[in-house]
Amino acid sequence: MPIKPVDATLAYQPKRKSAANSCKLRILDLFCCAGGAGTGYSQAGFDVVGIDIKPQPNYPFTFMQADAMTLDPAFIASFDAIHASPPCQSYSDLAKRNDNADAWPRLIDPVRDLLVRSGLPYIIENVEGAPLFSPVILCGTMFPGLRVLRHRLFEANFPIVPPPHGKHPKVHTFDKRKSHYGKTNEWTDFVQVTGGGNCTVAAARAAMGINWMNKNEINEAIPPAYTCLIGEQLLQHLFHTDQEPTRQRKNA
């Protein structure tokens, strides 16, 4: 059964805001999956609404099941910024090795067109090799407390300043062919969270700063620390330019 576009007048019913959070800006989290990116924006101070074409029962914020590419422009315009994480499988190293990249949708170009048309500040996140414009790369070595080597690219229409990129350490492994097998600890050393996995799910959650996802969800997720950094810089962009925040301009 096809998913219907979201009706901007009915789909989002904002919660009553207290004085403490009445000034929060809203970000639309497209292709949200289980909420790794959305959690980072929430930590930075945004109200978050997630959209995904599949049910996401573990998404920790307001969620609506819909096709992101058919959203009502008026609904999109009710937000102050947009984050999008379109499917990455077609651009992944695994697809290149298996020579089946064409089996997956390539949505970055149409997603970018959608975001540009909105006129809002936007972020597009994807894997290395994806055709993003002048992307910034973020890695777990850039964030104290993370222990994961997970490179992700971020394109934005505002400046993103990344932290220094640290040297990659050896990661914990289940592969007995590796020289450091048995010499690392998944609870203190870096891990690599992948489909096959080289650590337990519990250790992956700790390494990523995520405590609510199952194995399949965390394989696809980005650490919230990545988008918390971006969200903080986005807030600075919104509040420390010559223009007022987007939503205030629209309501003027």
Protein backbone atom coordinates (compact mmCIF):
# COMPACT_ATOMS: atom_id res chain seq x y z
CA MET A 1 0.00 0.00 0.00
CA PRO A 2 1.60 3.33 -1.00
CA ILE A 3 2.45 5.82 1.72
CA LYS A 4 0.47 9.05 1.48
CA PRO A 5 2.16 12.44 1.67
CA VAL A 6 1.99 14.09 5.07
CA ASP A 7 -0.75 16.72 5.44
CA ALA A 8 0.99 19.71 6.99
CA THR A 9 -2.17 20.82 8.77
CA LEU A 10 -2.79 17.52 10.52
CA ALA A 11 0.35 15.39 10.75
CA TYR A 12 2.36 17.23 13.38
CA GLN A 13 0.73 18.11 16.68
CA PRO A 14 3.40 19.89 18.77
CA LYS A 15 3.53 19.13 22.45
CA ARG A 16 2.75 21.93 24.89
CA LYS A 17 6.01 23.74 25.56
CA SER A 18 7.16 24.97 28.94
CA ALA A 19 8.95 28.25 29.44
CA ALA A 20 12.21 26.30 29.55
CA ASN A 21 11.87 24.95 26.03
CA SER A 22 9.55 27.47 24.36
CA CYS A 23 12.39 28.89 22.25
CA LYS A 24 13.55 25.57 20.83
CA LEU A 25 13.89 25.43 17.08
CA ARG A 26 12.61 22.44 15.12
CA ILE A 27 14.59 20.16 12.83
CA LEU A 28 13.13 17.64 10.40
CA ASP A 29 15.01 14.32 10.45
CA LEU A 30 14.47 12.64 7.06
CA PHE A 31 15.28 8.93 6.54
CA CYS A 32 15.57 8.91 10.31
CA CYS A 33 15.89 5.14 10.97
CA ALA A 34 16.20 4.54 14.72
CA GLY A 35 17.31 8.05 15.65
CA GLY A 36 21.10 8.26 15.94
CA ALA A 37 21.20 11.59 14.11
CA GLY A 38 18.01 12.88 15.72
CA THR A 39 19.34 12.23 19.20
CA GLY A 40 22.39 14.38 18.51
CA TYR A 41 20.23 17.28 17.36
CA SER A 42 18.07 16.89 20.45
CA GLN A 43 21.17 17.01 22.64
CA ALA A 44 22.18 20.21 20.84
CA GLY A 45 18.84 21.80 21.73
CA PHE A 46 16.45 21.14 18.84
CA ASP A 47 12.96 19.70 18.86
CA VAL A 48 13.17 16.74 16.47
CA VAL A 49 10.57 15.14 14.20
CA GLY A 50 11.54 11.99 12.30
CA ILE A 51 10.29 10.74 8.94
CA ASP A 52 10.96 7.29 7.52
CA ILE A 53 9.20 5.13 4.96
CA LYS A 54 9.49 2.13 7.32
CA PRO A 55 8.12 1.84 10.86
CA GLN A 56 10.69 2.86 13.46
CA PRO A 57 9.36 1.65 16.81
CA ASN A 58 12.58 2.58 18.64
CA TYR A 59 12.75 6.16 17.34
CA PRO A 60 12.93 8.28 20.53
CA PHE A 61 11.13 11.42 19.26
CA THR A 62 7.99 12.36 17.36
CA PHE A 63 7.84 10.01 14.37
CA MET A 64 5.72 9.85 11.23
CA GLN A 65 5.85 7.08 8.66
CA ALA A 66 5.93 8.69 5.22
CA ASP A 67 7.89 8.87 1.99
CA ALA A 68 10.31 11.76 2.49
CA MET A 69 10.27 12.52 -1.23
CA THR A 70 6.53 13.25 -1.27
CA LEU A 71 6.22 15.48 1.79
CA ASP A 72 4.01 18.54 1.55
CA PRO A 73 6.25 21.61 1.04
CA ALA A 74 4.12 23.50 3.56
CA PHE A 75 4.91 20.84 6.16
CA ILE A 76 8.64 21.10 5.42
CA ALA A 77 8.44 24.89 5.68
CA SER A 78 7.17 24.62 9.25
CA PHE A 79 10.67 23.59 10.37
CA ASP A 80 13.82 25.63 10.95
CA ALA A 81 16.29 23.16 9.42
CA ILE A 82 16.44 19.74 7.78
CA HIS A 83 18.74 16.74 8.20
CA ALA A 84 18.62 13.94 5.62
CA SER A 85 20.34 10.55 5.64
CA PRO A 86 19.23 8.99 2.33
CA PRO A 87 19.96 5.29 1.79
CA CYS A 88 23.70 4.72 1.55
CA GLN A 89 23.92 1.13 0.26
CA SER A 90 24.52 2.11 -3.37
CA TYR A 91 27.59 4.16 -2.39
CA SER A 92 29.07 1.70 0.11
CA ASP A 93 32.32 -0.22 -0.23
CA LEU A 94 30.35 -3.47 0.07
CA ALA A 95 28.23 -2.60 -2.98
CA LYS A 96 31.38 -1.78 -4.93
CA ARG A 97 32.99 -5.10 -3.96
CA ASN A 98 29.82 -7.02 -4.84
CA ASP A 99 29.28 -5.00 -8.03
CA ASN A 100 25.61 -4.49 -7.18
CA ALA A 101 25.45 -0.74 -6.53
CA ASP A 102 22.65 -0.40 -9.10
CA ALA A 103 20.43 -2.60 -6.95
CA TRP A 104 19.93 0.27 -4.49
CA PRO A 105 18.27 3.66 -4.96
CA ARG A 106 20.50 6.70 -5.47
CA LEU A 107 18.63 9.52 -3.82
CA ILE A 108 21.27 12.10 -2.95
CA ASP A 109 20.66 14.31 -6.00
CA PRO A 110 16.85 14.40 -5.68
CA VAL A 111 17.13 14.84 -1.91
CA ARG A 112 19.48 17.79 -2.40
CA ASP A 113 17.03 19.32 -4.86
CA LEU A 114 14.25 18.95 -2.28
CA LEU A 115 16.32 20.57 0.45
CA VAL A 116 17.52 23.43 -1.72
CA ARG A 117 13.95 24.19 -2.76
CA SER A 118 12.94 24.42 0.89
CA GLY A 119 15.24 27.41 1.41
CA LEU A 120 16.15 26.07 4.87
CA PRO A 121 19.54 25.26 6.36
CA TYR A 122 20.17 21.60 5.58
CA ILE A 123 22.55 18.73 6.21
CA ILE A 124 22.93 15.60 4.08
CA GLU A 125 24.76 12.66 5.69
CA ASN A 126 26.16 9.65 3.89
CA VAL A 127 29.06 7.21 3.59
CA GLU A 128 32.47 7.81 2.07
CA GLY A 129 32.19 7.62 -1.70
CA ALA A 130 28.78 9.28 -1.82
CA PRO A 131 28.51 12.24 -4.25
CA LEU A 132 28.22 15.03 -1.69
CA PHE A 133 29.35 18.61 -2.35
CA SER A 134 32.43 19.68 -0.34
CA PRO A 135 31.56 17.36 2.54
CA VAL A 136 33.06 17.40 6.02
CA ILE A 137 34.17 14.04 7.38
CA LEU A 138 33.52 13.05 10.98
CA CYS A 139 35.16 10.11 12.76
CA GLY A 140 34.86 8.62 16.22
CA THR A 141 38.45 9.59 17.00
CA MET A 142 37.31 13.25 16.97
CA PHE A 143 35.01 12.84 19.98
CA PRO A 144 36.07 12.08 23.58
CA GLY A 145 34.08 9.13 24.86
CA LEU A 146 33.49 7.47 21.48
CA ARG A 147 35.34 4.28 20.61
CA VAL A 148 34.19 3.63 17.06
CA LEU A 149 35.80 4.08 13.66
CA ARG A 150 32.80 5.21 11.64
CA HIS A 151 33.57 7.75 8.93
CA ARG A 152 30.56 9.71 7.72
CA LEU A 153 30.34 12.60 5.28
CA PHE A 154 28.22 15.70 5.89
CA GLU A 155 27.23 18.24 3.25
CA ALA A 156 25.62 21.44 4.51
CA ASN A 157 24.71 24.88 3.22
CA PHE A 158 26.28 26.48 6.30
CA PRO A 159 29.81 26.07 7.70
CA ILE A 160 30.67 22.92 9.69
CA VAL A 161 34.02 22.99 11.47
CA PRO A 162 35.18 19.47 12.39
CA PRO A 163 37.47 18.62 15.33
CA PRO A 164 41.00 17.35 14.60
CA HIS A 165 41.02 13.88 13.04
CA GLY A 166 42.91 11.56 15.37
CA LYS A 167 45.11 8.65 14.41
CA HIS A 168 43.19 5.42 13.99
CA PRO A 169 43.99 2.84 16.65
CA LYS A 170 43.71 -0.90 16.18
CA VAL A 171 40.18 -2.04 16.86
CA HIS A 172 38.93 -4.97 18.86
CA THR A 173 38.42 -7.99 16.62
CA PHE A 174 36.96 -11.50 16.57
CA ASP A 175 39.21 -12.36 13.61
CA LYS A 176 41.86 -14.82 14.75
CA ARG A 177 43.94 -13.97 11.69
CA LYS A 178 44.65 -10.47 13.05
CA SER A 179 47.90 -10.06 14.97
CA HIS A 180 46.17 -8.23 17.82
CA TYR A 181 43.45 -10.87 18.28
CA GLY A 182 43.01 -11.53 22.01
CA LYS A 183 45.07 -8.47 22.97
CA THR A 184 42.26 -5.90 23.04
CA ASN A 185 39.22 -5.30 25.20
CA GLU A 186 35.89 -4.38 23.61
CA TRP A 187 34.95 -2.34 26.70
CA THR A 188 38.00 -0.09 26.64
CA ASP A 189 39.36 -0.17 23.08
CA PHE A 190 37.94 1.04 19.77
CA VAL A 191 35.53 -1.24 17.92
CA GLN A 192 34.21 -1.27 14.36
CA VAL A 193 30.44 -1.60 14.26
CA THR A 194 29.58 -3.40 11.03
CA GLY A 195 27.06 -5.87 9.63
CA GLY A 196 29.26 -8.80 10.58
CA GLY A 197 30.42 -7.16 13.76
CA ASN A 198 33.63 -7.49 15.69
CA CYS A 199 32.23 -6.82 19.14
CA THR A 200 29.10 -7.59 21.13
CA VAL A 201 25.99 -5.47 20.71
CA ALA A 202 26.36 -4.15 24.26
CA ALA A 203 29.92 -3.03 23.57
CA ALA A 204 28.86 -1.44 20.27
CA ARG A 205 26.18 0.57 22.08
CA ALA A 206 28.72 1.79 24.63
CA ALA A 207 31.25 2.67 21.93
CA MET A 208 28.68 4.61 19.87
CA GLY A 209 26.94 6.43 22.72
CA ILE A 210 23.65 4.66 21.88
CA ASN A 211 21.70 2.56 24.38
CA TRP A 212 18.33 1.89 22.73
CA MET A 213 19.04 0.24 19.36
CA ASN A 214 19.13 -3.39 18.35
CA LYS A 215 21.92 -4.91 16.25
CA ASN A 216 20.47 -4.09 12.84
CA GLU A 217 19.63 -0.52 13.85
CA ILE A 218 23.02 0.27 15.30
CA ASN A 219 24.76 -1.12 12.20
CA GLU A 220 23.13 1.70 10.20
CA ALA A 221 23.40 4.45 12.81
CA ILE A 222 25.76 7.34 13.34
CA PRO A 223 26.88 8.32 16.83
CA PRO A 224 24.71 11.14 18.24
CA ALA A 225 27.92 13.03 19.08
CA TYR A 226 28.36 13.74 15.35
CA THR A 227 25.06 15.57 14.95
CA CYS A 228 25.26 17.16 18.39
CA LEU A 229 28.39 18.96 17.14
CA ILE A 230 26.66 19.90 13.88
CA GLY A 231 23.51 20.97 15.71
CA GLU A 232 25.44 23.27 18.01
CA GLN A 233 27.12 24.90 15.01
CA LEU A 234 23.76 25.12 13.23
CA LEU A 235 22.28 26.97 16.20
CA GLN A 236 25.19 29.40 16.08
CA HIS A 237 24.53 29.88 12.37
CA LEU A 238 20.84 30.53 12.98
CA PHE A 239 21.28 32.93 15.88
CA HIS A 240 24.54 34.71 15.07
CA THR A 241 23.95 35.92 11.54
CA ASP A 242 22.38 39.13 10.36
CA GLN A 243 19.08 37.31 9.91
CA GLU A 244 16.62 36.11 12.51
CA PRO A 245 15.99 32.37 12.91
CA THR A 246 14.06 30.94 9.99
CA ARG A 247 10.79 30.28 11.81
CA GLN A 248 10.67 33.81 13.23
CA ARG A 249 11.15 35.23 9.73
CA LYS A 250 8.33 33.09 8.38
CA ASN A 251 5.98 34.14 11.19
CA ALA A 252 6.80 37.84 10.95
